[in-house]
Amino acid sequence: MDAARLKKIEMFASLADEDLEGLAAVAKEKHYDKGEKIIRVETWPHDLYAIESGTVEVTRDGELIARLGAGDVVGETGVVKRALRNADVSAAQPRGRRLLPHE
């Protein structure tokens, strides 16, 4: 992963170059097909996802909560709070990318 790509994500934009390089060294990239589940409600979080392209839909109990796209991050709440996931997230358009790794 290239640190310059991570810097384009608002959540990481203010990180020092050294920190971005460290993050880039462990970040993974993954592409998702339309409709593919990325996050499942009531599962333990190990990853957060920075969306570089494509869109995702966040749903709870089948109801659309949000539609997120390039530059957005999803799944960070569960990781930070170390709590079960509170929503499902699915790829709405192809090419969504997972940028941060399983711990």
PDB file of N, CA and C in Angstrom:
ATOM      1  N   MET A   1       0.852  -1.175   0.000  1.00  0.00           N
ATOM      2  CA  MET A   1       0.000   0.000   0.000  1.00  0.00           C
ATOM      3  C   MET A   1       0.892   1.229   0.000  1.00  0.00           C
ATOM      4  N   ASP A   2       0.468   2.236  -0.679  1.00  0.00           N
ATOM      5  CA  ASP A   2       1.216   3.487  -0.819  1.00  0.00           C
ATOM      6  C   ASP A   2       0.703   4.510   0.203  1.00  0.00           C
ATOM      7  N   ALA A   3       1.586   5.102   0.961  1.00  0.00           N
ATOM      8  CA  ALA A   3       1.199   6.081   1.981  1.00  0.00           C
ATOM      9  C   ALA A   3       0.475   7.276   1.374  1.00  0.00           C
ATOM     10  N   ALA A   4       0.818   7.647   0.154  1.00  0.00           N
ATOM     11  CA  ALA A   4       0.159   8.779  -0.503  1.00  0.00           C
ATOM     12  C   ALA A   4      -1.327   8.495  -0.717  1.00  0.00           C
ATOM     13  N   ARG A   5      -1.678   7.249  -0.986  1.00  0.00           N
ATOM     14  CA  ARG A   5      -3.088   6.875  -1.141  1.00  0.00           C
ATOM     15  C   ARG A   5      -3.826   7.001   0.191  1.00  0.00           C
ATOM     16  N   LEU A   6      -3.191   6.598   1.267  1.00  0.00           N
ATOM     17  CA  LEU A   6      -3.816   6.717   2.583  1.00  0.00           C
ATOM     18  C   LEU A   6      -4.023   8.178   2.968  1.00  0.00           C
ATOM     19  N   LYS A   7      -3.108   9.027   2.598  1.00  0.00           N
ATOM     20  CA  LYS A   7      -3.192  10.447   2.945  1.00  0.00           C
ATOM     21  C   LYS A   7      -4.421  11.109   2.320  1.00  0.00           C
ATOM     22  N   LYS A   8      -4.956  10.525   1.249  1.00  0.00           N
ATOM     23  CA  LYS A   8      -6.145  11.070   0.591  1.00  0.00           C
ATOM     24  C   LYS A   8      -7.426  10.783   1.379  1.00  0.00           C
ATOM     25  N   ILE A   9      -7.357   9.863   2.337  1.00  0.00           N
ATOM     26  CA  ILE A   9      -8.504   9.550   3.192  1.00  0.00           C
ATOM     27  C   ILE A   9      -8.480  10.530   4.356  1.00  0.00           C
ATOM     28  N   GLU A  10      -9.570  11.290   4.533  1.00  0.00           N
ATOM     29  CA  GLU A  10      -9.603  12.360   5.536  1.00  0.00           C
ATOM     30  C   GLU A  10      -9.154  11.908   6.919  1.00  0.00           C
ATOM     31  N   MET A  11      -9.556  10.716   7.328  1.00  0.00           N
ATOM     32  CA  MET A  11      -9.209  10.220   8.660  1.00  0.00           C
ATOM     33  C   MET A  11      -7.696  10.123   8.874  1.00  0.00           C
ATOM     34  N   PHE A  12      -6.948   9.920   7.809  1.00  0.00           N
ATOM     35  CA  PHE A  12      -5.502   9.732   7.915  1.00  0.00           C
ATOM     36  C   PHE A  12      -4.700  10.938   7.415  1.00  0.00           C
ATOM     37  N   ALA A  13      -5.370  11.941   6.862  1.00  0.00           N
ATOM     38  CA  ALA A  13      -4.695  13.061   6.204  1.00  0.00           C
ATOM     39  C   ALA A  13      -3.739  13.827   7.115  1.00  0.00           C
ATOM     40  N   SER A  14      -4.057  13.917   8.399  1.00  0.00           N
ATOM     41  CA  SER A  14      -3.221  14.706   9.299  1.00  0.00           C
ATOM     42  C   SER A  14      -2.089  13.902   9.944  1.00  0.00           C
ATOM     43  N   LEU A  15      -2.004  12.618   9.640  1.00  0.00           N
ATOM     44  CA  LEU A  15      -0.931  11.811  10.219  1.00  0.00           C
ATOM     45  C   LEU A  15       0.429  12.239   9.680  1.00  0.00           C
ATOM     46  N   ALA A  16       1.428  12.132  10.517  1.00  0.00           N
ATOM     47  CA  ALA A  16       2.796  12.420  10.091  1.00  0.00           C
ATOM     48  C   ALA A  16       3.212  11.393   9.041  1.00  0.00           C
ATOM     49  N   ASP A  17       4.111  11.790   8.158  1.00  0.00           N
ATOM     50  CA  ASP A  17       4.561  10.897   7.090  1.00  0.00           C
ATOM     51  C   ASP A  17       5.081   9.572   7.637  1.00  0.00           C
ATOM     52  N   GLU A  18       5.795   9.621   8.746  1.00  0.00           N
ATOM     53  CA  GLU A  18       6.329   8.401   9.354  1.00  0.00           C
ATOM     54  C   GLU A  18       5.195   7.458   9.776  1.00  0.00           C
ATOM     55  N   ASP A  19       4.148   8.028  10.355  1.00  0.00           N
ATOM     56  CA  ASP A  19       2.997   7.223  10.769  1.00  0.00           C
ATOM     57  C   ASP A  19       2.254   6.663   9.562  1.00  0.00           C
ATOM     58  N   LEU A  20       2.122   7.463   8.518  1.00  0.00           N
ATOM     59  CA  LEU A  20       1.479   6.987   7.288  1.00  0.00           C
ATOM     60  C   LEU A  20       2.263   5.826   6.679  1.00  0.00           C
ATOM     61  N   GLU A  21       3.573   5.930   6.698  1.00  0.00           N
ATOM     62  CA  GLU A  21       4.416   4.855   6.158  1.00  0.00           C
ATOM     63  C   GLU A  21       4.209   3.567   6.955  1.00  0.00           C
ATOM     64  N   GLY A  22       4.141   3.682   8.281  1.00  0.00           N
ATOM     65  CA  GLY A  22       3.908   2.504   9.123  1.00  0.00           C
ATOM     66  C   GLY A  22       2.544   1.891   8.860  1.00  0.00           C
ATOM     67  N   LEU A  23       1.539   2.728   8.706  1.00  0.00           N
ATOM     68  CA  LEU A  23       0.195   2.253   8.408  1.00  0.00           C
ATOM     69  C   LEU A  23       0.145   1.596   7.035  1.00  0.00           C
ATOM     70  N   ALA A  24       0.790   2.217   6.073  1.00  0.00           N
ATOM     71  CA  ALA A  24       0.819   1.671   4.710  1.00  0.00           C
ATOM     72  C   ALA A  24       1.483   0.303   4.672  1.00  0.00           C
ATOM     73  N   ALA A  25       2.454   0.091   5.530  1.00  0.00           N
ATOM     74  CA  ALA A  25       3.178  -1.186   5.548  1.00  0.00           C
ATOM     75  C   ALA A  25       2.293  -2.355   5.974  1.00  0.00           C
ATOM     76  N   VAL A  26       1.244  -2.073   6.762  1.00  0.00           N
ATOM     77  CA  VAL A  26       0.381  -3.160   7.236  1.00  0.00           C
ATOM     78  C   VAL A  26      -1.000  -3.158   6.583  1.00  0.00           C
ATOM     79  N   ALA A  27      -1.308  -2.129   5.806  1.00  0.00           N
ATOM     80  CA  ALA A  27      -2.620  -2.036   5.152  1.00  0.00           C
ATOM     81  C   ALA A  27      -2.733  -3.069   4.038  1.00  0.00           C
ATOM     82  N   LYS A  28      -3.937  -3.565   3.853  1.00  0.00           N
ATOM     83  CA  LYS A  28      -4.226  -4.537   2.798  1.00  0.00           C
ATOM     84  C   LYS A  28      -5.283  -3.944   1.885  1.00  0.00           C
ATOM     85  N   GLU A  29      -5.244  -4.341   0.648  1.00  0.00           N
ATOM     86  CA  GLU A  29      -6.243  -3.888  -0.314  1.00  0.00           C
ATOM     87  C   GLU A  29      -7.107  -5.066  -0.734  1.00  0.00           C
ATOM     88  N   LYS A  30      -8.408  -4.825  -0.806  1.00  0.00           N
ATOM     89  CA  LYS A  30      -9.321  -5.874  -1.239  1.00  0.00           C
ATOM     90  C   LYS A  30     -10.437  -5.242  -2.055  1.00  0.00           C
ATOM     91  N   HIS A  31     -10.831  -5.932  -3.092  1.00  0.00           N
ATOM     92  CA  HIS A  31     -11.933  -5.491  -3.941  1.00  0.00           C
ATOM     93  C   HIS A  31     -13.161  -6.322  -3.602  1.00  0.00           C
ATOM     94  N   TYR A  32     -14.333  -5.698  -3.617  1.00  0.00           N
ATOM     95  CA  TYR A  32     -15.581  -6.384  -3.310  1.00  0.00           C
ATOM     96  C   TYR A  32     -16.525  -6.311  -4.499  1.00  0.00           C
ATOM     97  N   ASP A  33     -17.289  -7.369  -4.701  1.00  0.00           N
ATOM     98  CA  ASP A  33     -18.303  -7.396  -5.747  1.00  0.00           C
ATOM     99  C   ASP A  33     -19.585  -6.767  -5.228  1.00  0.00           C
ATOM    100  N   LYS A  34     -20.390  -6.233  -6.134  1.00  0.00           N
ATOM    101  CA  LYS A  34     -21.666  -5.634  -5.769  1.00  0.00           C
ATOM    102  C   LYS A  34     -22.499  -6.641  -4.975  1.00  0.00           C
ATOM    103  N   GLY A  35     -23.027  -6.199  -3.838  1.00  0.00           N
ATOM    104  CA  GLY A  35     -23.853  -7.041  -2.986  1.00  0.00           C
ATOM    105  C   GLY A  35     -23.080  -7.853  -1.967  1.00  0.00           C
ATOM    106  N   GLU A  36     -21.771  -7.907  -2.094  1.00  0.00           N
ATOM    107  CA  GLU A  36     -20.953  -8.696  -1.163  1.00  0.00           C
ATOM    108  C   GLU A  36     -20.952  -8.043   0.217  1.00  0.00           C
ATOM    109  N   LYS A  37     -21.173  -8.847   1.261  1.00  0.00           N
ATOM    110  CA  LYS A  37     -21.143  -8.375   2.651  1.00  0.00           C
ATOM    111  C   LYS A  37     -19.704  -8.102   3.049  1.00  0.00           C
ATOM    112  N   ILE A  38     -19.480  -6.946   3.604  1.00  0.00           N
ATOM    113  CA  ILE A  38     -18.162  -6.559   4.082  1.00  0.00           C
ATOM    114  C   ILE A  38     -18.119  -6.664   5.605  1.00  0.00           C
ATOM    115  N   ILE A  39     -19.187  -6.201   6.254  1.00  0.00           N
ATOM    116  CA  ILE A  39     -19.316  -6.244   7.708  1.00  0.00           C
ATOM    117  C   ILE A  39     -20.677  -6.841   8.038  1.00  0.00           C
ATOM    118  N   ARG A  40     -20.697  -7.731   9.031  1.00  0.00           N
ATOM    119  CA  ARG A  40     -21.957  -8.327   9.496  1.00  0.00           C
ATOM    120  C   ARG A  40     -22.249  -7.861  10.917  1.00  0.00           C
ATOM    121  N   VAL A  41     -23.504  -7.488  11.137  1.00  0.00           N
ATOM    122  CA  VAL A  41     -23.950  -7.045  12.451  1.00  0.00           C
ATOM    123  C   VAL A  41     -23.714  -8.161  13.473  1.00  0.00           C
ATOM    124  N   GLU A  42     -23.437  -7.762  14.712  1.00  0.00           N
ATOM    125  CA  GLU A  42     -23.242  -8.688  15.831  1.00  0.00           C
ATOM    126  C   GLU A  42     -22.003  -9.585  15.687  1.00  0.00           C
ATOM    127  N   THR A  43     -21.015  -9.137  14.916  1.00  0.00           N
ATOM    128  CA  THR A  43     -19.737  -9.847  14.850  1.00  0.00           C
ATOM    129  C   THR A  43     -18.678  -8.965  15.506  1.00  0.00           C
ATOM    130  N   TRP A  44     -17.610  -9.594  15.968  1.00  0.00           N
ATOM    131  CA  TRP A  44     -16.528  -8.830  16.598  1.00  0.00           C
ATOM    132  C   TRP A  44     -15.693  -8.157  15.522  1.00  0.00           C
ATOM    133  N   PRO A  45     -15.351  -6.901  15.718  1.00  0.00           N
ATOM    134  CA  PRO A  45     -14.561  -6.170  14.730  1.00  0.00           C
ATOM    135  C   PRO A  45     -13.070  -6.452  14.853  1.00  0.00           C
ATOM    136  N   HIS A  46     -12.454  -6.610  13.712  1.00  0.00           N
ATOM    137  CA  HIS A  46     -11.001  -6.742  13.651  1.00  0.00           C
ATOM    138  C   HIS A  46     -10.422  -5.769  12.639  1.00  0.00           C
ATOM    139  N   ASP A  47     -11.289  -5.201  11.814  1.00  0.00           N
ATOM    140  CA  ASP A  47     -10.844  -4.323  10.741  1.00  0.00           C
ATOM    141  C   ASP A  47     -11.703  -3.072  10.686  1.00  0.00           C
ATOM    142  N   LEU A  48     -11.120  -2.038  10.127  1.00  0.00           N
ATOM    143  CA  LEU A  48     -11.916  -0.911   9.677  1.00  0.00           C
ATOM    144  C   LEU A  48     -11.606  -0.757   8.199  1.00  0.00           C
ATOM    145  N   TYR A  49     -12.490  -0.107   7.491  1.00  0.00           N
ATOM    146  CA  TYR A  49     -12.419  -0.067   6.042  1.00  0.00           C
ATOM    147  C   TYR A  49     -12.412   1.373   5.556  1.00  0.00           C
ATOM    148  N   ALA A  50     -11.417   1.719   4.793  1.00  0.00           N
ATOM    149  CA  ALA A  50     -11.326   3.025   4.148  1.00  0.00           C
ATOM    150  C   ALA A  50     -11.726   2.809   2.693  1.00  0.00           C
ATOM    151  N   ILE A  51     -12.702   3.547   2.234  1.00  0.00           N
ATOM    152  CA  ILE A  51     -13.222   3.359   0.881  1.00  0.00           C
ATOM    153  C   ILE A  51     -12.459   4.268  -0.073  1.00  0.00           C
ATOM    154  N   GLU A  52     -11.803   3.643  -1.004  1.00  0.00           N
ATOM    155  CA  GLU A  52     -11.014   4.387  -1.974  1.00  0.00           C
ATOM    156  C   GLU A  52     -11.813   4.640  -3.246  1.00  0.00           C
ATOM    157  N   SER A  53     -12.682   3.693  -3.605  1.00  0.00           N
ATOM    158  CA  SER A  53     -13.563   3.860  -4.760  1.00  0.00           C
ATOM    159  C   SER A  53     -14.767   2.958  -4.564  1.00  0.00           C
ATOM    160  N   GLY A  54     -15.831   3.223  -5.315  1.00  0.00           N
ATOM    161  CA  GLY A  54     -17.058   2.469  -5.154  1.00  0.00           C
ATOM    162  C   GLY A  54     -17.874   3.025  -3.995  1.00  0.00           C
ATOM    163  N   THR A  55     -18.985   2.362  -3.686  1.00  0.00           N
ATOM    164  CA  THR A  55     -19.828   2.784  -2.573  1.00  0.00           C
ATOM    165  C   THR A  55     -20.254   1.566  -1.767  1.00  0.00           C
ATOM    166  N   VAL A  56     -20.619   1.821  -0.528  1.00  0.00           N
ATOM    167  CA  VAL A  56     -21.155   0.775   0.338  1.00  0.00           C
ATOM    168  C   VAL A  56     -22.471   1.261   0.925  1.00  0.00           C
ATOM    169  N   GLU A  57     -23.315   0.295   1.300  1.00  0.00           N
ATOM    170  CA  GLU A  57     -24.558   0.616   1.986  1.00  0.00           C
ATOM    171  C   GLU A  57     -24.492   0.055   3.398  1.00  0.00           C
ATOM    172  N   VAL A  58     -24.841   0.900   4.351  1.00  0.00           N
ATOM    173  CA  VAL A  58     -24.873   0.516   5.753  1.00  0.00           C
ATOM    174  C   VAL A  58     -26.342   0.308   6.115  1.00  0.00           C
ATOM    175  N   THR A  59     -26.673  -0.896   6.609  1.00  0.00           N
ATOM    176  CA  THR A  59     -28.062  -1.198   6.954  1.00  0.00           C
ATOM    177  C   THR A  59     -28.157  -1.777   8.364  1.00  0.00           C
ATOM    178  N   ARG A  60     -29.299  -1.540   8.996  1.00  0.00           N
ATOM    179  CA  ARG A  60     -29.591  -2.134  10.294  1.00  0.00           C
ATOM    180  C   ARG A  60     -31.034  -2.626  10.231  1.00  0.00           C
ATOM    181  N   ASP A  61     -31.224  -3.892  10.545  1.00  0.00           N
ATOM    182  CA  ASP A  61     -32.563  -4.498  10.469  1.00  0.00           C
ATOM    183  C   ASP A  61     -33.193  -4.292   9.097  1.00  0.00           C
ATOM    184  N   GLY A  62     -32.376  -4.363   8.056  1.00  0.00           N
ATOM    185  CA  GLY A  62     -32.855  -4.235   6.685  1.00  0.00           C
ATOM    186  C   GLY A  62     -33.120  -2.818   6.229  1.00  0.00           C
ATOM    187  N   GLU A  63     -32.931  -1.833   7.095  1.00  0.00           N
ATOM    188  CA  GLU A  63     -33.184  -0.436   6.749  1.00  0.00           C
ATOM    189  C   GLU A  63     -31.875   0.276   6.414  1.00  0.00           C
ATOM    190  N   LEU A  64     -31.865   0.994   5.298  1.00  0.00           N
ATOM    191  CA  LEU A  64     -30.681   1.738   4.883  1.00  0.00           C
ATOM    192  C   LEU A  64     -30.414   2.879   5.854  1.00  0.00           C
ATOM    193  N   ILE A  65     -29.209   2.908   6.414  1.00  0.00           N
ATOM    194  CA  ILE A  65     -28.802   3.960   7.355  1.00  0.00           C
ATOM    195  C   ILE A  65     -27.943   4.993   6.640  1.00  0.00           C
ATOM    196  N   ALA A  66     -27.043   4.505   5.785  1.00  0.00           N
ATOM    197  CA  ALA A  66     -26.121   5.414   5.099  1.00  0.00           C
ATOM    198  C   ALA A  66     -25.595   4.770   3.827  1.00  0.00           C
ATOM    199  N   ARG A  67     -25.207   5.623   2.916  1.00  0.00           N
ATOM    200  CA  ARG A  67     -24.503   5.199   1.704  1.00  0.00           C
ATOM    201  C   ARG A  67     -23.184   5.974   1.731  1.00  0.00           C
ATOM    202  N   LEU A  68     -22.079   5.262   1.736  1.00  0.00           N
ATOM    203  CA  LEU A  68     -20.761   5.874   1.863  1.00  0.00           C
ATOM    204  C   LEU A  68     -19.934   5.612   0.620  1.00  0.00           C
ATOM    205  N   GLY A  69     -18.978   6.506   0.348  1.00  0.00           N
ATOM    206  CA  GLY A  69     -18.147   6.357  -0.839  1.00  0.00           C
ATOM    207  C   GLY A  69     -16.714   6.774  -0.604  1.00  0.00           C
ATOM    208  N   ALA A  70     -16.043   7.066  -1.697  1.00  0.00           N
ATOM    209  CA  ALA A  70     -14.611   7.379  -1.675  1.00  0.00           C
ATOM    210  C   ALA A  70     -14.283   8.415  -0.598  1.00  0.00           C
ATOM    211  N   GLY A  71     -13.281   8.090   0.206  1.00  0.00           N
ATOM    212  CA  GLY A  71     -12.823   8.973   1.269  1.00  0.00           C
ATOM    213  C   GLY A  71     -13.467   8.687   2.613  1.00  0.00           C
ATOM    214  N   ASP A  72     -14.534   7.903   2.623  1.00  0.00           N
ATOM    215  CA  ASP A  72     -15.207   7.565   3.876  1.00  0.00           C
ATOM    216  C   ASP A  72     -14.552   6.345   4.529  1.00  0.00           C
ATOM    217  N   VAL A  73     -14.778   6.221   5.828  1.00  0.00           N
ATOM    218  CA  VAL A  73     -14.281   5.087   6.603  1.00  0.00           C
ATOM    219  C   VAL A  73     -15.483   4.455   7.291  1.00  0.00           C
ATOM    220  N   VAL A  74     -15.503   3.132   7.346  1.00  0.00           N
ATOM    221  CA  VAL A  74     -16.595   2.412   7.997  1.00  0.00           C
ATOM    222  C   VAL A  74     -16.005   1.310   8.872  1.00  0.00           C
ATOM    223  N   GLY A  75     -16.667   1.044   9.984  1.00  0.00           N
ATOM    224  CA  GLY A  75     -16.210  -0.014  10.881  1.00  0.00           C
ATOM    225  C   GLY A  75     -15.294   0.456  11.982  1.00  0.00           C
ATOM    226  N   GLU A  76     -14.998   1.736  12.005  1.00  0.00           N
ATOM    227  CA  GLU A  76     -14.054   2.247  13.000  1.00  0.00           C
ATOM    228  C   GLU A  76     -14.635   2.256  14.407  1.00  0.00           C
ATOM    229  N   THR A  77     -15.932   2.444  14.535  1.00  0.00           N
ATOM    230  CA  THR A  77     -16.542   2.505  15.868  1.00  0.00           C
ATOM    231  C   THR A  77     -16.347   1.199  16.623  1.00  0.00           C
ATOM    232  N   GLY A  78     -16.620   0.081  15.973  1.00  0.00           N
ATOM    233  CA  GLY A  78     -16.446  -1.213  16.623  1.00  0.00           C
ATOM    234  C   GLY A  78     -15.009  -1.481  17.012  1.00  0.00           C
ATOM    235  N   VAL A  79     -14.083  -1.067  16.155  1.00  0.00           N
ATOM    236  CA  VAL A  79     -12.665  -1.282  16.435  1.00  0.00           C
ATOM    237  C   VAL A  79     -12.230  -0.440  17.635  1.00  0.00           C
ATOM    238  N   VAL A  80     -12.609   0.831  17.635  1.00  0.00           N
ATOM    239  CA  VAL A  80     -12.195   1.735  18.707  1.00  0.00           C
ATOM    240  C   VAL A  80     -12.850   1.364  20.038  1.00  0.00           C
ATOM    241  N   LYS A  81     -14.146   1.068  19.996  1.00  0.00           N
ATOM    242  CA  LYS A  81     -14.873   0.751  21.230  1.00  0.00           C
ATOM    243  C   LYS A  81     -14.757  -0.712  21.633  1.00  0.00           C
ATOM    244  N   ARG A  82     -14.180  -1.529  20.752  1.00  0.00           N
ATOM    245  CA  ARG A  82     -14.074  -2.966  20.994  1.00  0.00           C
ATOM    246  C   ARG A  82     -15.446  -3.545  21.348  1.00  0.00           C
ATOM    247  N   ALA A  83     -16.410  -3.206  20.504  1.00  0.00           N
ATOM    248  CA  ALA A  83     -17.794  -3.634  20.693  1.00  0.00           C
ATOM    249  C   ALA A  83     -18.271  -4.366  19.445  1.00  0.00           C
ATOM    250  N   LEU A  84     -19.298  -5.189  19.608  1.00  0.00           N
ATOM    251  CA  LEU A  84     -19.869  -5.892  18.463  1.00  0.00           C
ATOM    252  C   LEU A  84     -20.334  -4.901  17.404  1.00  0.00           C
ATOM    253  N   ARG A  85     -20.277  -5.326  16.158  1.00  0.00           N
ATOM    254  CA  ARG A  85     -20.745  -4.495  15.046  1.00  0.00           C
ATOM    255  C   ARG A  85     -22.229  -4.205  15.230  1.00  0.00           C
ATOM    256  N   ASN A  86     -22.647  -2.982  14.917  1.00  0.00           N
ATOM    257  CA  ASN A  86     -24.044  -2.613  15.104  1.00  0.00           C
ATOM    258  C   ASN A  86     -24.805  -2.451  13.794  1.00  0.00           C
ATOM    259  N   ALA A  87     -24.185  -2.808  12.666  1.00  0.00           N
ATOM    260  CA  ALA A  87     -24.843  -2.694  11.365  1.00  0.00           C
ATOM    261  C   ALA A  87     -24.165  -3.629  10.373  1.00  0.00           C
ATOM    262  N   ASP A  88     -24.879  -3.888   9.280  1.00  0.00           N
ATOM    263  CA  ASP A  88     -24.309  -4.621   8.150  1.00  0.00           C
ATOM    264  C   ASP A  88     -23.792  -3.611   7.145  1.00  0.00           C
ATOM    265  N   VAL A  89     -22.734  -3.975   6.438  1.00  0.00           N
ATOM    266  CA  VAL A  89     -22.205  -3.130   5.371  1.00  0.00           C
ATOM    267  C   VAL A  89     -21.980  -4.015   4.159  1.00  0.00           C
ATOM    268  N   SER A  90     -22.509  -3.579   3.019  1.00  0.00           N
ATOM    269  CA  SER A  90     -22.382  -4.334   1.765  1.00  0.00           C
ATOM    270  C   SER A  90     -21.897  -3.418   0.661  1.00  0.00           C
ATOM    271  N   ALA A  91     -21.165  -3.994  -0.289  1.00  0.00           N
ATOM    272  CA  ALA A  91     -20.719  -3.229  -1.451  1.00  0.00           C
ATOM    273  C   ALA A  91     -21.928  -2.909  -2.321  1.00  0.00           C
ATOM    274  N   ALA A  92     -22.132  -1.620  -2.609  1.00  0.00           N
ATOM    275  CA  ALA A  92     -23.242  -1.200  -3.460  1.00  0.00           C
ATOM    276  C   ALA A  92     -22.778  -1.054  -4.895  1.00  0.00           C
ATOM    277  N   GLN A  93     -21.533  -0.666  -5.059  1.00  0.00           N
ATOM    278  CA  GLN A  93     -20.900  -0.598  -6.368  1.00  0.00           C
ATOM    279  C   GLN A  93     -19.575  -1.312  -6.236  1.00  0.00           C
ATOM    280  N   PRO A  94     -19.167  -1.991  -7.279  1.00  0.00           N
ATOM    281  CA  PRO A  94     -17.911  -2.736  -7.194  1.00  0.00           C
ATOM    282  C   PRO A  94     -16.698  -1.839  -6.943  1.00  0.00           C
ATOM    283  N   ARG A  95     -15.639  -2.476  -6.546  1.00  0.00           N
ATOM    284  CA  ARG A  95     -14.323  -1.881  -6.380  1.00  0.00           C
ATOM    285  C   ARG A  95     -14.114  -1.221  -5.038  1.00  0.00           C
ATOM    286  N   GLY A  96     -14.987  -1.492  -4.055  1.00  0.00           N
ATOM    287  CA  GLY A  96     -14.701  -1.019  -2.712  1.00  0.00           C
ATOM    288  C   GLY A  96     -13.429  -1.690  -2.223  1.00  0.00           C
ATOM    289  N   ARG A  97     -12.655  -1.010  -1.426  1.00  0.00           N
ATOM    290  CA  ARG A  97     -11.366  -1.566  -1.011  1.00  0.00           C
ATOM    291  C   ARG A  97     -11.206  -1.537   0.486  1.00  0.00           C
ATOM    292  N   ARG A  98     -10.749  -2.648   1.002  1.00  0.00           N
ATOM    293  CA  ARG A  98     -10.382  -2.746   2.416  1.00  0.00           C
ATOM    294  C   ARG A  98      -8.942  -2.302   2.512  1.00  0.00           C
ATOM    295  N   LEU A  99      -8.669  -1.329   3.356  1.00  0.00           N
ATOM    296  CA  LEU A  99      -7.316  -0.802   3.427  1.00  0.00           C
ATOM    297  C   LEU A  99      -6.588  -1.097   4.719  1.00  0.00           C
ATOM    298  N   LEU A 100      -7.292  -1.476   5.747  1.00  0.00           N
ATOM    299  CA  LEU A 100      -6.599  -1.759   6.996  1.00  0.00           C
ATOM    300  C   LEU A 100      -6.748  -3.215   7.369  1.00  0.00           C
ATOM    301  N   PRO A 101      -5.732  -3.791   7.958  1.00  0.00           N
ATOM    302  CA  PRO A 101      -5.664  -5.227   8.144  1.00  0.00           C
ATOM    303  C   PRO A 101      -6.379  -5.761   9.364  1.00  0.00           C
ATOM    304  N   HIS A 102      -6.560  -7.050   9.321  1.00  0.00           N
ATOM    305  CA  HIS A 102      -7.001  -7.797  10.505  1.00  0.00           C
ATOM    306  C   HIS A 102      -5.886  -7.699  11.526  1.00  0.00           C
ATOM    307  N   GLU A 103      -6.236  -7.515  12.787  1.00  0.00           N
ATOM    308  CA  GLU A 103      -5.195  -7.427  13.813  1.00  0.00           C
ATOM    309  C   GLU A 103      -4.900  -8.766  14.409  1.00  0.00           C
TER     310      GLU A 103
END
